[in-house]
Structure formats: structure tokens, C-alpha cells
Amino acid sequence: MRISTARWALLLCIATLLAACSSEQDKWLQQLNQQASVTSTKLERLKQHIDAGQIANTRVLSQYAAVIRTDRPELADLSAALAQDASPEGPIIRSLQSRLSDAQSDIPNVVTLSSEQVNKVYQELSAIEAAAQPDTYGMMLSDPINVLADMSEGKLARVAAMSAEASARINDAEDFGPGSQLVGNPQYGSWQSNSSGTSFWHWYGQYAFFSSMFRSPISYGSWGRGRDYSYYNDYGRSAYTSPSQRQNQQTTERSTRNKFKSSGKKFSSPYASTKQTTASVARKSSKFQPKSLPSSRSIKSAKSTTSNYRSSTYQSSRSSFGGK
């Protein structure tokens, strides 16, 4: 049976399209695997730096925790839990490792989907790479360090931050009690809603003792209006938050805004403005901006991918460590 010229043209067109798609998928696969390799290497090097004692704040965190265990025995378990992040087996490192594993596992699937999904995985890998920078990790430890400093009743000094009194005054912040620098950080707890739809901060088990130190549970609305400076919430959140954790944060913010609106009140995002801290920290710190996949004719512009990243619905099929 002879095939008409038109059919030959159609078959040739289909073959060309299939070849182009295959070539594009191969390019995406190569780019994602290359970024995953770079990120994995950076994370392994960070763990080596921690093991070798080359990150100053890991030593400070361990020393501060030891002081609290001695001076305030009732806080021994809590200080020990906070000190875990001074080791390569701590919650922050395990969270980064879990995120990397999830992203790597998703690579074969997303390259068959779309450039948008490919870009989201690429941006997650680049976020983990940024979080694995030793200097950035050291700054993340300033939050638990300063929590321990606040619990020392003046014996220990805060690091990379103003005094509690000065910070509260300059940021017009509410005093939520010891540990408030960790509120909003999914490594330590999560926002949970009660029957009326109000979200309150719930500590994970090893940090549950913080609940007894607060005057009352912290609602998202109150915290959003009156939170003080913390490294995670003001600088580290974009790199140290998984896609699923970010989705949960956005859901909590949206539901709180709607609840306020129904009561005739206005609610601004807790992250609408960066809280003030010491000039040296502000100069050294910057918020991670997601890297876009290397240019390709089917990849959207950097401006578009940044917007997609911040409102991403990409989630691995596996759960992320430190909160769903």
C-alpha cells in the first residue's frame, strides 16, 4: 500500500517533534542531575566542616547548652534538643538531606512533564545548595543560640543580634516569651488550627517544654503583627523551607487573612517587611533568590520562574522532614 505525500509529511512532522521532545528531556535530565550533584557535594562538605569544628556557632551552641544544663537543670532536656543542631545529625541537616533525596527521586518524573515542573525541582536543588553554605548555616544557628542566651537570665550574650530589649523596641515587637525566635520555623514546630479556624503554634515533642514557658499559646495573627527579628524568618526562610512547608505557610497565612477580613480587620503578612537587627548582620545577610534552569527556548523568564517558585505547588510524593 502506497502512502500519500501528505501522510509522509505528517509522519515526518511527528517524528521530528518526538525527537525534539526527547532531546529537550535529555537536556533537562542532564541539567537537573548536574545541579543535584553540586548540591550533594556542598551538603557533604558542610557536614565535614561541622565535624571538623570549623563553624564557630556550632561550638557556641554546644557551650551555651552546657551552661543552661548546669545552671538550670529543669531545662536540661530542652537545651540538649537545641544543641542537636551543632552536629551533622541535627534536625536542620537531616531536613536538608531529606529534601535533597526527595528532589533527586523526582528528577526522572518531572522531565517527562513540563518545563515549569523541571524548573521547580531545579530551584529546590539550588535552594538546598544555598542552605548548605557554611556561613549561612552558622547564621541559622544564631536563633537557637539566642534562645539559650535569653534563658540564661543575663549570663550569656546574644550573637549576631541586638539585645532582647533593643530589638523589641526598634521592631515594635511583642514579648512572646523564651523561644519566640523559633516560632514559625518548621524545624521546631508547626501552625495548627483549632475548631474556630484560628492557627496556633505547636512545638514538636522535644521542644514541647517551651509551651510551659509562654504566658499563653501563640496565635498566628498575634505573631504576624508583633513578631521580632529572627534569622530564619527574616533571611533564612527562602533557603531553609521545603516546598511542602512553604505551601503550609502560605495556607496558614491565607486562612488567617480571610478570617481577619471576615471580621472587618486587616492582616499583613508576617514577612511583609524585614525586621531590623545589627548592621553587620544586615550587611552580610541576603535572602536567597531561586536560580532558574539554564536558558532554553522552552524555559520561562527568570522573573516568571521566581514567581512560580514562591507560590509553588510542587511537592514531592514523599513527606518532608520537620513538618508536612
C-alpha atoms as a PDB file:
ATOM      1  CA  MET A   1       0.000   0.000   0.000  1.00  0.00           C
ATOM      2  CA  ARG A   2       1.396   3.351  -1.030  1.00  0.00           C
ATOM      3  CA  ILE A   3       1.401   6.211   1.454  1.00  0.00           C
ATOM      4  CA  SER A   4       0.378   9.592   0.152  1.00  0.00           C
ATOM      5  CA  THR A   5       2.748  12.551   0.207  1.00  0.00           C
ATOM      6  CA  ALA A   6       0.579  14.258   2.818  1.00  0.00           C
ATOM      7  CA  ARG A   7       0.803  11.273   5.136  1.00  0.00           C
ATOM      8  CA  TRP A   8       4.552  11.082   4.676  1.00  0.00           C
ATOM      9  CA  ALA A   9       4.779  14.745   5.639  1.00  0.00           C
ATOM     10  CA  LEU A  10       2.618  14.176   8.718  1.00  0.00           C
ATOM     11  CA  LEU A  11       4.692  11.180   9.850  1.00  0.00           C
ATOM     12  CA  LEU A  12       7.888  13.150   9.318  1.00  0.00           C
ATOM     13  CA  CYS A  13       6.486  16.038  11.367  1.00  0.00           C
ATOM     14  CA  ILE A  14       5.514  13.714  14.228  1.00  0.00           C
ATOM     15  CA  ALA A  15       8.932  12.051  14.183  1.00  0.00           C
ATOM     16  CA  THR A  16      10.634  15.441  14.295  1.00  0.00           C
ATOM     17  CA  LEU A  17       8.501  16.560  17.248  1.00  0.00           C
ATOM     18  CA  LEU A  18       9.195  13.339  19.150  1.00  0.00           C
ATOM     19  CA  ALA A  19      12.918  13.729  18.545  1.00  0.00           C
ATOM     20  CA  ALA A  20      12.789  17.350  19.749  1.00  0.00           C
ATOM     21  CA  CYS A  21      10.884  16.359  22.915  1.00  0.00           C
ATOM     22  CA  SER A  22      13.354  13.565  23.604  1.00  0.00           C
ATOM     23  CA  SER A  23      16.269  15.941  23.110  1.00  0.00           C
ATOM     24  CA  GLU A  24      14.704  18.513  25.443  1.00  0.00           C
ATOM     25  CA  GLN A  25      14.044  15.902  28.131  1.00  0.00           C
ATOM     26  CA  ASP A  26      17.621  14.655  27.881  1.00  0.00           C
ATOM     27  CA  LYS A  27      18.849  18.231  28.329  1.00  0.00           C
ATOM     28  CA  TRP A  28      16.633  18.734  31.386  1.00  0.00           C
ATOM     29  CA  LEU A  29      17.784  15.424  32.862  1.00  0.00           C
ATOM     30  CA  GLN A  30      21.419  16.380  32.435  1.00  0.00           C
ATOM     31  CA  GLN A  31      20.915  19.840  33.958  1.00  0.00           C
ATOM     32  CA  LEU A  32      18.975  18.526  36.956  1.00  0.00           C
ATOM     33  CA  ASN A  33      21.446  15.720  37.626  1.00  0.00           C
ATOM     34  CA  GLN A  34      24.325  18.181  37.402  1.00  0.00           C
ATOM     35  CA  GLN A  35      22.688  20.540  39.923  1.00  0.00           C
ATOM     36  CA  ALA A  36      21.840  17.595  42.202  1.00  0.00           C
ATOM     37  CA  SER A  37      25.494  16.517  42.148  1.00  0.00           C
ATOM     38  CA  VAL A  38      26.694  20.034  43.018  1.00  0.00           C
ATOM     39  CA  THR A  39      24.145  20.307  45.844  1.00  0.00           C
ATOM     40  CA  SER A  40      25.039  16.880  47.250  1.00  0.00           C
ATOM     41  CA  THR A  41      28.730  17.797  47.279  1.00  0.00           C
ATOM     42  CA  LYS A  42      28.026  21.097  49.072  1.00  0.00           C
ATOM     43  CA  LEU A  43      25.939  19.330  51.714  1.00  0.00           C
ATOM     44  CA  GLU A  44      28.612  16.704  52.334  1.00  0.00           C
ATOM     45  CA  ARG A  45      31.230  19.433  52.683  1.00  0.00           C
ATOM     46  CA  LEU A  46      29.042  21.259  55.190  1.00  0.00           C
ATOM     47  CA  LYS A  47      28.827  18.115  57.325  1.00  0.00           C
ATOM     48  CA  GLN A  48      32.611  17.771  57.143  1.00  0.00           C
ATOM     49  CA  HIS A  49      33.017  21.397  58.274  1.00  0.00           C
ATOM     50  CA  ILE A  50      30.695  20.722  61.219  1.00  0.00           C
ATOM     51  CA  ASP A  51      32.586  17.538  62.180  1.00  0.00           C
ATOM     52  CA  ALA A  52      35.897  19.382  61.998  1.00  0.00           C
ATOM     53  CA  GLY A  53      34.625  22.183  64.258  1.00  0.00           C
ATOM     54  CA  GLN A  54      35.175  24.788  61.537  1.00  0.00           C
ATOM     55  CA  ILE A  55      31.836  26.578  62.055  1.00  0.00           C
ATOM     56  CA  ALA A  56      32.147  28.818  65.094  1.00  0.00           C
ATOM     57  CA  ASN A  57      28.472  28.844  66.016  1.00  0.00           C
ATOM     58  CA  THR A  58      28.366  25.050  66.392  1.00  0.00           C
ATOM     59  CA  ARG A  59      30.826  25.418  69.264  1.00  0.00           C
ATOM     60  CA  VAL A  60      28.916  28.360  70.717  1.00  0.00           C
ATOM     61  CA  LEU A  61      25.633  26.435  70.582  1.00  0.00           C
ATOM     62  CA  SER A  62      27.181  23.441  72.391  1.00  0.00           C
ATOM     63  CA  GLN A  63      28.802  25.673  75.016  1.00  0.00           C
ATOM     64  CA  TYR A  64      25.622  27.645  75.664  1.00  0.00           C
ATOM     65  CA  ALA A  65      23.601  24.439  76.010  1.00  0.00           C
ATOM     66  CA  ALA A  66      26.121  23.100  78.546  1.00  0.00           C
ATOM     67  CA  VAL A  67      25.798  26.279  80.626  1.00  0.00           C
ATOM     68  CA  ILE A  68      21.998  26.039  80.673  1.00  0.00           C
ATOM     69  CA  ARG A  69      22.109  22.350  81.646  1.00  0.00           C
ATOM     70  CA  THR A  70      24.317  23.246  84.616  1.00  0.00           C
ATOM     71  CA  ASP A  71      22.619  26.457  85.747  1.00  0.00           C
ATOM     72  CA  ARG A  72      19.017  25.472  85.026  1.00  0.00           C
ATOM     73  CA  PRO A  73      18.639  21.693  85.350  1.00  0.00           C
ATOM     74  CA  GLU A  74      14.913  21.924  84.657  1.00  0.00           C
ATOM     75  CA  LEU A  75      15.831  23.000  81.106  1.00  0.00           C
ATOM     76  CA  ALA A  76      18.420  20.251  80.554  1.00  0.00           C
ATOM     77  CA  ASP A  77      16.363  18.238  78.048  1.00  0.00           C
ATOM     78  CA  LEU A  78      15.300  21.330  76.131  1.00  0.00           C
ATOM     79  CA  SER A  79      18.848  22.691  75.887  1.00  0.00           C
ATOM     80  CA  ALA A  80      20.069  19.273  74.731  1.00  0.00           C
ATOM     81  CA  ALA A  81      17.417  19.226  71.995  1.00  0.00           C
ATOM     82  CA  LEU A  82      18.512  22.687  70.793  1.00  0.00           C
ATOM     83  CA  ALA A  83      22.167  21.618  70.839  1.00  0.00           C
ATOM     84  CA  GLN A  84      21.479  18.845  68.334  1.00  0.00           C
ATOM     85  CA  ASP A  85      21.887  21.336  65.507  1.00  0.00           C
ATOM     86  CA  ALA A  86      25.566  21.651  66.424  1.00  0.00           C
ATOM     87  CA  SER A  87      26.095  18.210  64.876  1.00  0.00           C
ATOM     88  CA  PRO A  88      25.774  16.844  61.306  1.00  0.00           C
ATOM     89  CA  GLU A  89      22.953  14.626  62.577  1.00  0.00           C
ATOM     90  CA  GLY A  90      20.876  17.586  63.809  1.00  0.00           C
ATOM     91  CA  PRO A  91      17.367  18.442  62.559  1.00  0.00           C
ATOM     92  CA  ILE A  92      18.497  21.167  60.147  1.00  0.00           C
ATOM     93  CA  ILE A  93      20.985  18.909  58.348  1.00  0.00           C
ATOM     94  CA  ARG A  94      18.565  15.978  58.316  1.00  0.00           C
ATOM     95  CA  SER A  95      15.911  18.229  56.805  1.00  0.00           C
ATOM     96  CA  LEU A  96      18.285  19.344  54.034  1.00  0.00           C
ATOM     97  CA  GLN A  97      19.292  15.743  53.399  1.00  0.00           C
ATOM     98  CA  SER A  98      15.659  14.657  53.182  1.00  0.00           C
ATOM     99  CA  ARG A  99      14.814  17.484  50.774  1.00  0.00           C
ATOM    100  CA  LEU A 100      17.775  16.580  48.556  1.00  0.00           C
ATOM    101  CA  SER A 101      16.761  12.917  48.484  1.00  0.00           C
ATOM    102  CA  ASP A 102      13.190  13.817  47.546  1.00  0.00           C
ATOM    103  CA  ALA A 103      14.262  16.184  44.783  1.00  0.00           C
ATOM    104  CA  GLN A 104      16.697  13.644  43.346  1.00  0.00           C
ATOM    105  CA  SER A 105      13.985  10.987  43.304  1.00  0.00           C
ATOM    106  CA  ASP A 106      11.613  13.332  41.475  1.00  0.00           C
ATOM    107  CA  ILE A 107      14.017  14.108  38.625  1.00  0.00           C
ATOM    108  CA  PRO A 108      13.100  11.158  36.335  1.00  0.00           C
ATOM    109  CA  ASN A 109       9.413  12.008  36.647  1.00  0.00           C
ATOM    110  CA  VAL A 110       9.429  15.782  36.183  1.00  0.00           C
ATOM    111  CA  VAL A 111      11.499  15.701  32.978  1.00  0.00           C
ATOM    112  CA  THR A 112       8.527  13.971  31.337  1.00  0.00           C
ATOM    113  CA  LEU A 113       6.083  16.653  32.494  1.00  0.00           C
ATOM    114  CA  SER A 114       6.796  20.299  31.721  1.00  0.00           C
ATOM    115  CA  SER A 115       9.451  22.989  31.885  1.00  0.00           C
ATOM    116  CA  GLU A 116       7.610  24.539  34.842  1.00  0.00           C
ATOM    117  CA  GLN A 117       7.878  21.370  36.930  1.00  0.00           C
ATOM    118  CA  VAL A 118      11.508  20.908  35.898  1.00  0.00           C
ATOM    119  CA  ASN A 119      12.258  24.464  36.983  1.00  0.00           C
ATOM    120  CA  LYS A 120      10.665  23.951  40.397  1.00  0.00           C
ATOM    121  CA  VAL A 121      12.864  20.939  41.129  1.00  0.00           C
ATOM    122  CA  TYR A 122      15.924  22.842  39.871  1.00  0.00           C
ATOM    123  CA  GLN A 123      15.087  25.755  42.161  1.00  0.00           C
ATOM    124  CA  GLU A 124      14.604  23.424  45.136  1.00  0.00           C
ATOM    125  CA  LEU A 125      18.032  21.920  44.496  1.00  0.00           C
ATOM    126  CA  SER A 126      19.604  25.383  44.250  1.00  0.00           C
ATOM    127  CA  ALA A 127      17.853  26.413  47.498  1.00  0.00           C
ATOM    128  CA  ILE A 128      19.371  23.423  49.302  1.00  0.00           C
ATOM    129  CA  GLU A 129      22.771  24.342  47.839  1.00  0.00           C
ATOM    130  CA  ALA A 130      22.391  27.872  49.245  1.00  0.00           C
ATOM    131  CA  ALA A 131      21.347  26.494  52.649  1.00  0.00           C
ATOM    132  CA  ALA A 132      24.449  24.277  52.700  1.00  0.00           C
ATOM    133  CA  GLN A 133      26.833  27.253  52.646  1.00  0.00           C
ATOM    134  CA  PRO A 134      28.823  27.137  55.926  1.00  0.00           C
ATOM    135  CA  ASP A 135      28.367  30.851  56.661  1.00  0.00           C
ATOM    136  CA  THR A 136      24.615  30.628  56.095  1.00  0.00           C
ATOM    137  CA  TYR A 137      24.313  27.536  58.277  1.00  0.00           C
ATOM    138  CA  GLY A 138      26.260  29.289  61.001  1.00  0.00           C
ATOM    139  CA  MET A 139      23.815  32.184  60.890  1.00  0.00           C
ATOM    140  CA  MET A 140      20.867  29.764  61.141  1.00  0.00           C
ATOM    141  CA  LEU A 141      22.325  28.564  64.431  1.00  0.00           C
ATOM    142  CA  SER A 142      22.151  32.097  65.821  1.00  0.00           C
ATOM    143  CA  ASP A 143      18.437  31.590  66.535  1.00  0.00           C
ATOM    144  CA  PRO A 144      18.769  28.608  68.938  1.00  0.00           C
ATOM    145  CA  ILE A 145      21.905  30.214  70.388  1.00  0.00           C
ATOM    146  CA  ASN A 146      19.980  33.368  71.211  1.00  0.00           C
ATOM    147  CA  VAL A 147      17.124  31.361  72.678  1.00  0.00           C
ATOM    148  CA  LEU A 148      19.623  29.794  75.089  1.00  0.00           C
ATOM    149  CA  ALA A 149      21.089  33.244  75.790  1.00  0.00           C
ATOM    150  CA  ASP A 150      17.635  34.559  76.699  1.00  0.00           C
ATOM    151  CA  MET A 151      17.083  31.593  79.018  1.00  0.00           C
ATOM    152  CA  SER A 152      20.391  32.216  80.831  1.00  0.00           C
ATOM    153  CA  GLU A 153      18.935  35.194  82.713  1.00  0.00           C
ATOM    154  CA  GLY A 154      21.677  37.529  81.516  1.00  0.00           C
ATOM    155  CA  LYS A 155      24.682  35.228  81.894  1.00  0.00           C
ATOM    156  CA  LEU A 156      25.094  34.545  78.166  1.00  0.00           C
ATOM    157  CA  ALA A 157      25.206  37.170  75.419  1.00  0.00           C
ATOM    158  CA  ARG A 158      23.204  37.063  72.223  1.00  0.00           C
ATOM    159  CA  VAL A 159      25.152  36.611  68.978  1.00  0.00           C
ATOM    160  CA  ALA A 160      24.522  38.370  65.645  1.00  0.00           C
ATOM    161  CA  ALA A 161      21.523  40.209  67.088  1.00  0.00           C
ATOM    162  CA  MET A 162      20.617  43.149  69.281  1.00  0.00           C
ATOM    163  CA  SER A 163      19.675  42.699  72.915  1.00  0.00           C
ATOM    164  CA  ALA A 164      16.133  41.498  73.555  1.00  0.00           C
ATOM    165  CA  GLU A 165      15.100  44.905  74.867  1.00  0.00           C
ATOM    166  CA  ALA A 166      16.630  46.895  71.994  1.00  0.00           C
ATOM    167  CA  SER A 167      15.262  44.547  69.343  1.00  0.00           C
ATOM    168  CA  ALA A 168      11.746  44.630  70.763  1.00  0.00           C
ATOM    169  CA  ARG A 169      11.833  48.407  70.931  1.00  0.00           C
ATOM    170  CA  ILE A 170      13.169  49.078  67.435  1.00  0.00           C
ATOM    171  CA  ASN A 171      10.896  46.461  65.823  1.00  0.00           C
ATOM    172  CA  ASP A 172       7.838  47.367  67.902  1.00  0.00           C
ATOM    173  CA  ALA A 173       7.674  43.667  68.789  1.00  0.00           C
ATOM    174  CA  GLU A 174       5.594  41.819  71.344  1.00  0.00           C
ATOM    175  CA  ASP A 175       7.298  39.712  74.010  1.00  0.00           C
ATOM    176  CA  PHE A 176       6.065  36.188  73.348  1.00  0.00           C
ATOM    177  CA  GLY A 177       8.485  34.646  75.836  1.00  0.00           C
ATOM    178  CA  PRO A 178      11.594  32.419  75.649  1.00  0.00           C
ATOM    179  CA  GLY A 179      11.996  30.555  72.386  1.00  0.00           C
ATOM    180  CA  SER A 180       9.990  33.017  70.300  1.00  0.00           C
ATOM    181  CA  GLN A 181      12.843  33.287  67.740  1.00  0.00           C
ATOM    182  CA  LEU A 182      11.985  29.707  66.740  1.00  0.00           C
ATOM    183  CA  VAL A 183       8.253  30.280  66.219  1.00  0.00           C
ATOM    184  CA  GLY A 184       7.422  29.944  62.531  1.00  0.00           C
ATOM    185  CA  ASN A 185      10.479  27.768  61.865  1.00  0.00           C
ATOM    186  CA  PRO A 186       9.252  24.329  60.667  1.00  0.00           C
ATOM    187  CA  GLN A 187      12.302  22.603  62.161  1.00  0.00           C
ATOM    188  CA  TYR A 188      10.845  23.203  65.630  1.00  0.00           C
ATOM    189  CA  GLY A 189       7.067  23.135  65.257  1.00  0.00           C
ATOM    190  CA  SER A 190       4.096  23.896  63.019  1.00  0.00           C
ATOM    191  CA  TRP A 191       0.945  26.002  62.840  1.00  0.00           C
ATOM    192  CA  GLN A 192      -2.195  24.063  63.727  1.00  0.00           C
ATOM    193  CA  SER A 193      -5.798  25.264  63.569  1.00  0.00           C
ATOM    194  CA  ASN A 194      -8.402  24.834  66.315  1.00  0.00           C
ATOM    195  CA  SER A 195     -12.127  24.299  65.844  1.00  0.00           C
ATOM    196  CA  SER A 196     -12.728  28.017  65.245  1.00  0.00           C
ATOM    197  CA  GLY A 197     -10.129  28.162  62.475  1.00  0.00           C
ATOM    198  CA  THR A 198      -7.526  30.100  64.481  1.00  0.00           C
ATOM    199  CA  SER A 199      -3.954  28.896  63.974  1.00  0.00           C
ATOM    200  CA  PHE A 200      -1.670  28.407  66.989  1.00  0.00           C
ATOM    201  CA  TRP A 201       1.980  27.399  67.162  1.00  0.00           C
ATOM    202  CA  HIS A 202       2.505  23.763  68.160  1.00  0.00           C
ATOM    203  CA  TRP A 203       6.002  22.671  69.256  1.00  0.00           C
ATOM    204  CA  TYR A 204       7.411  19.300  68.233  1.00  0.00           C
ATOM    205  CA  GLY A 205       7.865  16.844  71.100  1.00  0.00           C
ATOM    206  CA  GLN A 206      11.488  17.559  72.027  1.00  0.00           C
ATOM    207  CA  TYR A 207      10.707  21.280  72.253  1.00  0.00           C
ATOM    208  CA  ALA A 208       7.329  20.910  73.980  1.00  0.00           C
ATOM    209  CA  PHE A 209       8.655  22.366  77.240  1.00  0.00           C
ATOM    210  CA  PHE A 210       8.575  25.777  75.570  1.00  0.00           C
ATOM    211  CA  SER A 211       4.786  25.640  75.860  1.00  0.00           C
ATOM    212  CA  SER A 212       5.004  25.829  79.648  1.00  0.00           C
ATOM    213  CA  MET A 213       7.265  28.885  79.402  1.00  0.00           C
ATOM    214  CA  PHE A 214       4.811  31.006  77.410  1.00  0.00           C
ATOM    215  CA  ARG A 215       2.049  33.013  79.012  1.00  0.00           C
ATOM    216  CA  SER A 216      -0.441  31.561  76.518  1.00  0.00           C
ATOM    217  CA  PRO A 217      -0.407  29.770  73.164  1.00  0.00           C
ATOM    218  CA  ILE A 218       0.875  31.953  70.326  1.00  0.00           C
ATOM    219  CA  SER A 219      -1.706  32.628  67.633  1.00  0.00           C
ATOM    220  CA  TYR A 220      -0.607  33.247  64.069  1.00  0.00           C
ATOM    221  CA  GLY A 221      -2.476  36.550  64.000  1.00  0.00           C
ATOM    222  CA  SER A 222      -0.731  37.932  67.090  1.00  0.00           C
ATOM    223  CA  TRP A 223       2.653  36.632  65.999  1.00  0.00           C
ATOM    224  CA  GLY A 224       2.208  38.008  62.494  1.00  0.00           C
ATOM    225  CA  ARG A 225       1.550  41.505  63.846  1.00  0.00           C
ATOM    226  CA  GLY A 226       4.161  41.515  66.611  1.00  0.00           C
ATOM    227  CA  ARG A 227       6.997  39.125  65.815  1.00  0.00           C
ATOM    228  CA  ASP A 228      10.587  40.218  66.456  1.00  0.00           C
ATOM    229  CA  TYR A 229      13.718  39.581  64.411  1.00  0.00           C
ATOM    230  CA  SER A 230      14.979  36.044  63.826  1.00  0.00           C
ATOM    231  CA  TYR A 231      17.459  34.883  61.231  1.00  0.00           C
ATOM    232  CA  TYR A 232      15.131  32.194  59.851  1.00  0.00           C
ATOM    233  CA  ASN A 233      12.080  34.411  59.419  1.00  0.00           C
ATOM    234  CA  ASP A 234      13.964  37.429  58.064  1.00  0.00           C
ATOM    235  CA  TYR A 235      16.731  35.895  55.945  1.00  0.00           C
ATOM    236  CA  GLY A 236      16.881  32.098  56.015  1.00  0.00           C
ATOM    237  CA  ARG A 237      13.291  31.110  55.248  1.00  0.00           C
ATOM    238  CA  SER A 238      13.628  31.057  51.455  1.00  0.00           C
ATOM    239  CA  ALA A 239      16.514  28.545  51.566  1.00  0.00           C
ATOM    240  CA  TYR A 240      15.630  26.504  54.656  1.00  0.00           C
ATOM    241  CA  THR A 241      11.979  25.745  53.838  1.00  0.00           C
ATOM    242  CA  SER A 242      10.851  22.768  51.779  1.00  0.00           C
ATOM    243  CA  PRO A 243       8.157  23.145  49.097  1.00  0.00           C
ATOM    244  CA  SER A 244       5.572  21.387  51.278  1.00  0.00           C
ATOM    245  CA  GLN A 245       6.469  23.515  54.300  1.00  0.00           C
ATOM    246  CA  ARG A 246       6.203  26.649  52.186  1.00  0.00           C
ATOM    247  CA  GLN A 247       2.804  25.528  50.953  1.00  0.00           C
ATOM    248  CA  ASN A 248       1.638  25.087  54.562  1.00  0.00           C
ATOM    249  CA  GLN A 249       2.930  28.551  55.487  1.00  0.00           C
ATOM    250  CA  GLN A 250       1.055  30.092  52.588  1.00  0.00           C
ATOM    251  CA  THR A 251      -2.134  28.222  53.521  1.00  0.00           C
ATOM    252  CA  THR A 252      -1.922  29.402  57.137  1.00  0.00           C
ATOM    253  CA  GLU A 253      -1.317  32.993  56.070  1.00  0.00           C
ATOM    254  CA  ARG A 254      -4.188  32.921  53.583  1.00  0.00           C
ATOM    255  CA  SER A 255      -6.692  31.433  56.045  1.00  0.00           C
ATOM    256  CA  THR A 256      -5.675  33.955  58.732  1.00  0.00           C
ATOM    257  CA  ARG A 257      -6.069  36.862  56.317  1.00  0.00           C
ATOM    258  CA  ASN A 258      -9.535  35.621  55.320  1.00  0.00           C
ATOM    259  CA  LYS A 259     -10.523  35.231  58.971  1.00  0.00           C
ATOM    260  CA  PHE A 260      -9.427  38.789  59.731  1.00  0.00           C
ATOM    261  CA  LYS A 261     -11.216  40.079  56.646  1.00  0.00           C
ATOM    262  CA  SER A 262     -14.480  38.428  57.684  1.00  0.00           C
ATOM    263  CA  SER A 263     -14.204  40.333  60.972  1.00  0.00           C
ATOM    264  CA  GLY A 264     -13.565  43.626  59.199  1.00  0.00           C
ATOM    265  CA  LYS A 265      -9.876  43.648  60.125  1.00  0.00           C
ATOM    266  CA  LYS A 266      -6.751  43.908  58.007  1.00  0.00           C
ATOM    267  CA  PHE A 267      -3.889  41.449  58.235  1.00  0.00           C
ATOM    268  CA  SER A 268      -0.432  41.891  56.724  1.00  0.00           C
ATOM    269  CA  SER A 269       1.976  39.062  56.047  1.00  0.00           C
ATOM    270  CA  PRO A 270       4.463  38.363  58.866  1.00  0.00           C
ATOM    271  CA  TYR A 271       7.115  38.545  56.157  1.00  0.00           C
ATOM    272  CA  ALA A 272       5.928  41.782  54.551  1.00  0.00           C
ATOM    273  CA  SER A 273       8.955  43.601  55.945  1.00  0.00           C
ATOM    274  CA  THR A 274      12.368  42.529  57.203  1.00  0.00           C
ATOM    275  CA  LYS A 275      12.833  43.164  60.905  1.00  0.00           C
ATOM    276  CA  GLN A 276      15.837  45.224  61.932  1.00  0.00           C
ATOM    277  CA  THR A 277      18.930  43.718  63.507  1.00  0.00           C
ATOM    278  CA  THR A 278      22.595  44.662  63.864  1.00  0.00           C
ATOM    279  CA  ALA A 279      24.144  46.486  60.921  1.00  0.00           C
ATOM    280  CA  SER A 280      26.822  43.810  60.480  1.00  0.00           C
ATOM    281  CA  VAL A 281      24.237  41.038  60.144  1.00  0.00           C
ATOM    282  CA  ALA A 282      22.143  43.085  57.741  1.00  0.00           C
ATOM    283  CA  ARG A 283      25.195  43.740  55.549  1.00  0.00           C
ATOM    284  CA  LYS A 284      26.241  40.102  55.422  1.00  0.00           C
ATOM    285  CA  SER A 285      22.789  38.561  55.068  1.00  0.00           C
ATOM    286  CA  SER A 286      20.672  38.321  51.961  1.00  0.00           C
ATOM    287  CA  LYS A 287      17.547  36.411  51.033  1.00  0.00           C
ATOM    288  CA  PHE A 288      18.039  33.522  48.651  1.00  0.00           C
ATOM    289  CA  GLN A 289      16.783  34.166  45.146  1.00  0.00           C
ATOM    290  CA  PRO A 290      15.996  30.935  43.264  1.00  0.00           C
ATOM    291  CA  LYS A 291      18.175  30.125  40.289  1.00  0.00           C
ATOM    292  CA  SER A 292      16.374  29.385  37.045  1.00  0.00           C
ATOM    293  CA  LEU A 293      17.268  26.459  34.858  1.00  0.00           C
ATOM    294  CA  PRO A 294      19.971  27.397  32.317  1.00  0.00           C
ATOM    295  CA  SER A 295      18.421  29.105  29.317  1.00  0.00           C
ATOM    296  CA  SER A 296      16.374  27.033  26.909  1.00  0.00           C
ATOM    297  CA  ARG A 297      13.820  28.074  24.336  1.00  0.00           C
ATOM    298  CA  SER A 298      11.028  26.426  26.360  1.00  0.00           C
ATOM    299  CA  ILE A 299      12.043  27.728  29.804  1.00  0.00           C
ATOM    300  CA  LYS A 300      10.208  30.794  31.048  1.00  0.00           C
ATOM    301  CA  SER A 301      11.939  34.029  32.005  1.00  0.00           C
ATOM    302  CA  ALA A 302      13.714  34.380  35.354  1.00  0.00           C
ATOM    303  CA  LYS A 303      11.003  36.772  36.596  1.00  0.00           C
ATOM    304  CA  SER A 304       8.310  34.246  35.828  1.00  0.00           C
ATOM    305  CA  THR A 305      10.108  31.316  37.451  1.00  0.00           C
ATOM    306  CA  THR A 306      10.794  33.299  40.610  1.00  0.00           C
ATOM    307  CA  SER A 307       7.079  33.963  40.956  1.00  0.00           C
ATOM    308  CA  ASN A 308       6.305  30.298  40.352  1.00  0.00           C
ATOM    309  CA  TYR A 309       8.855  29.258  42.978  1.00  0.00           C
ATOM    310  CA  ARG A 310       7.388  31.481  45.662  1.00  0.00           C
ATOM    311  CA  SER A 311       3.848  30.245  45.024  1.00  0.00           C
ATOM    312  CA  SER A 312       4.933  26.746  44.103  1.00  0.00           C
ATOM    313  CA  THR A 313       2.557  23.835  44.416  1.00  0.00           C
ATOM    314  CA  TYR A 314       5.366  21.396  43.576  1.00  0.00           C
ATOM    315  CA  GLN A 315       5.579  18.803  46.291  1.00  0.00           C
ATOM    316  CA  SER A 316       7.463  15.558  46.356  1.00  0.00           C
ATOM    317  CA  SER A 317       5.397  12.425  46.717  1.00  0.00           C
ATOM    318  CA  ARG A 318       7.353  11.781  49.912  1.00  0.00           C
ATOM    319  CA  SER A 319       6.942  13.682  53.148  1.00  0.00           C
ATOM    320  CA  SER A 320       9.491  16.341  54.110  1.00  0.00           C
ATOM    321  CA  PHE A 321      11.377  16.119  57.391  1.00  0.00           C
ATOM    322  CA  GLY A 322      10.396  18.609  60.039  1.00  0.00           C
ATOM    323  CA  GLY A 323       6.744  19.130  59.197  1.00  0.00           C
ATOM    324  CA  LYS A 324       4.319  18.186  56.465  1.00  0.00           C
END
